[in-house]
Amino acid sequence: MTKRHRPMPAPHEGKSIAGPITEQEKRRRMRAIHGADAINAIEGAPISDYAKQLSARWADGEITHGEMVEALIKRHT
């Protein structure tokens, strides 16, 4: 049996880095968002406007990844 591992966290995961980010980091975040959106589209899972707004705030450095995840979990539970 193959042991499953949690995916490696992004280098910034768990760190509070909300605030100004570089253009390079913003582009990296936008690619991550587009990739996640594409996977959801393939699977037929709609993306809420709320999730899109949070993703944009994360990409701009207004909130951390953890804050985005926490807000989504809170909203959908």
C-alpha atoms as a PDB file:
ATOM      1  CA  MET A   1       0.000   0.000   0.000  1.00  0.00           C
ATOM      2  CA  THR A   2       1.338   3.429  -0.936  1.00  0.00           C
ATOM      3  CA  LYS A   3       1.486   5.935   1.867  1.00  0.00           C
ATOM      4  CA  ARG A   4      -0.106   9.244   0.942  1.00  0.00           C
ATOM      5  CA  HIS A   5       1.574  12.406   2.025  1.00  0.00           C
ATOM      6  CA  ARG A   6       0.190  15.879   2.351  1.00  0.00           C
ATOM      7  CA  PRO A   7       1.412  18.068  -0.518  1.00  0.00           C
ATOM      8  CA  MET A   8       4.446  20.144   0.298  1.00  0.00           C
ATOM      9  CA  PRO A   9       3.379  23.556   1.579  1.00  0.00           C
ATOM     10  CA  ALA A  10       4.223  26.589  -0.471  1.00  0.00           C
ATOM     11  CA  PRO A  11       7.283  28.419   0.866  1.00  0.00           C
ATOM     12  CA  HIS A  12       5.054  31.147   2.300  1.00  0.00           C
ATOM     13  CA  GLU A  13       2.400  28.888   3.828  1.00  0.00           C
ATOM     14  CA  GLY A  14       1.896  29.534   7.510  1.00  0.00           C
ATOM     15  CA  LYS A  15       3.786  32.814   7.386  1.00  0.00           C
ATOM     16  CA  SER A  16       2.023  36.128   7.569  1.00  0.00           C
ATOM     17  CA  ILE A  17       3.138  37.935   4.438  1.00  0.00           C
ATOM     18  CA  ALA A  18       0.056  40.024   3.788  1.00  0.00           C
ATOM     19  CA  GLY A  19       1.209  43.334   2.486  1.00  0.00           C
ATOM     20  CA  PRO A  20       3.150  44.605  -0.484  1.00  0.00           C
ATOM     21  CA  ILE A  21       4.413  41.847  -2.750  1.00  0.00           C
ATOM     22  CA  THR A  22       6.615  41.869  -5.811  1.00  0.00           C
ATOM     23  CA  GLU A  23       5.193  41.778  -9.311  1.00  0.00           C
ATOM     24  CA  GLN A  24       6.891  38.401  -9.743  1.00  0.00           C
ATOM     25  CA  GLU A  25       5.056  37.027  -6.687  1.00  0.00           C
ATOM     26  CA  LYS A  26       1.766  38.484  -7.926  1.00  0.00           C
ATOM     27  CA  ARG A  27       2.249  36.761 -11.307  1.00  0.00           C
ATOM     28  CA  ARG A  28       3.046  33.479  -9.533  1.00  0.00           C
ATOM     29  CA  ARG A  29      -0.104  33.787  -7.452  1.00  0.00           C
ATOM     30  CA  MET A  30      -2.212  34.602 -10.502  1.00  0.00           C
ATOM     31  CA  ARG A  31      -0.883  31.477 -12.258  1.00  0.00           C
ATOM     32  CA  ALA A  32      -1.817  29.429  -9.198  1.00  0.00           C
ATOM     33  CA  ILE A  33      -5.333  30.877  -9.228  1.00  0.00           C
ATOM     34  CA  HIS A  34      -5.792  30.231 -12.946  1.00  0.00           C
ATOM     35  CA  GLY A  35      -4.567  26.666 -12.522  1.00  0.00           C
ATOM     36  CA  ALA A  36      -6.975  26.014  -9.649  1.00  0.00           C
ATOM     37  CA  ASP A  37      -9.829  27.596 -11.606  1.00  0.00           C
ATOM     38  CA  ALA A  38      -9.033  25.404 -14.616  1.00  0.00           C
ATOM     39  CA  ILE A  39      -9.089  22.249 -12.495  1.00  0.00           C
ATOM     40  CA  ASN A  40     -12.425  23.257 -10.992  1.00  0.00           C
ATOM     41  CA  ALA A  41     -13.832  23.960 -14.460  1.00  0.00           C
ATOM     42  CA  ILE A  42     -12.706  20.551 -15.718  1.00  0.00           C
ATOM     43  CA  GLU A  43     -14.371  18.910 -12.727  1.00  0.00           C
ATOM     44  CA  GLY A  44     -17.526  20.977 -13.188  1.00  0.00           C
ATOM     45  CA  ALA A  45     -17.177  22.742  -9.837  1.00  0.00           C
ATOM     46  CA  PRO A  46     -18.310  26.361 -10.039  1.00  0.00           C
ATOM     47  CA  ILE A  47     -16.207  29.029  -8.361  1.00  0.00           C
ATOM     48  CA  SER A  48     -18.185  31.414  -6.189  1.00  0.00           C
ATOM     49  CA  ASP A  49     -17.851  35.156  -6.551  1.00  0.00           C
ATOM     50  CA  TYR A  50     -16.730  35.207  -2.921  1.00  0.00           C
ATOM     51  CA  ALA A  51     -13.887  32.785  -3.683  1.00  0.00           C
ATOM     52  CA  LYS A  52     -12.881  34.889  -6.689  1.00  0.00           C
ATOM     53  CA  GLN A  53     -12.796  38.018  -4.520  1.00  0.00           C
ATOM     54  CA  LEU A  54     -10.666  36.298  -1.879  1.00  0.00           C
ATOM     55  CA  SER A  55      -8.316  34.956  -4.547  1.00  0.00           C
ATOM     56  CA  ALA A  56      -7.849  38.447  -5.970  1.00  0.00           C
ATOM     57  CA  ARG A  57      -7.122  39.849  -2.497  1.00  0.00           C
ATOM     58  CA  TRP A  58      -4.561  37.071  -1.913  1.00  0.00           C
ATOM     59  CA  ALA A  59      -2.937  37.705  -5.295  1.00  0.00           C
ATOM     60  CA  ASP A  60      -2.617  41.402  -4.404  1.00  0.00           C
ATOM     61  CA  GLY A  61      -1.046  40.616  -1.025  1.00  0.00           C
ATOM     62  CA  GLU A  62      -3.988  41.974   0.979  1.00  0.00           C
ATOM     63  CA  ILE A  63      -4.515  38.687   2.834  1.00  0.00           C
ATOM     64  CA  THR A  64      -2.402  35.621   3.487  1.00  0.00           C
ATOM     65  CA  HIS A  65      -3.074  32.180   2.049  1.00  0.00           C
ATOM     66  CA  GLY A  66      -4.133  31.016   5.504  1.00  0.00           C
ATOM     67  CA  GLU A  67      -6.585  33.885   5.870  1.00  0.00           C
ATOM     68  CA  MET A  68      -8.079  33.061   2.482  1.00  0.00           C
ATOM     69  CA  VAL A  69      -8.519  29.384   3.362  1.00  0.00           C
ATOM     70  CA  GLU A  70      -9.941  30.241   6.786  1.00  0.00           C
ATOM     71  CA  ALA A  71     -12.484  32.641   5.252  1.00  0.00           C
ATOM     72  CA  LEU A  72     -13.588  30.045   2.698  1.00  0.00           C
ATOM     73  CA  ILE A  73     -13.989  27.324   5.318  1.00  0.00           C
ATOM     74  CA  LYS A  74     -15.902  29.656   7.617  1.00  0.00           C
ATOM     75  CA  ARG A  75     -18.192  30.734   4.779  1.00  0.00           C
ATOM     76  CA  HIS A  76     -18.955  27.206   3.581  1.00  0.00           C
ATOM     77  CA  THR A  77     -19.388  25.378   6.898  1.00  0.00           C
END
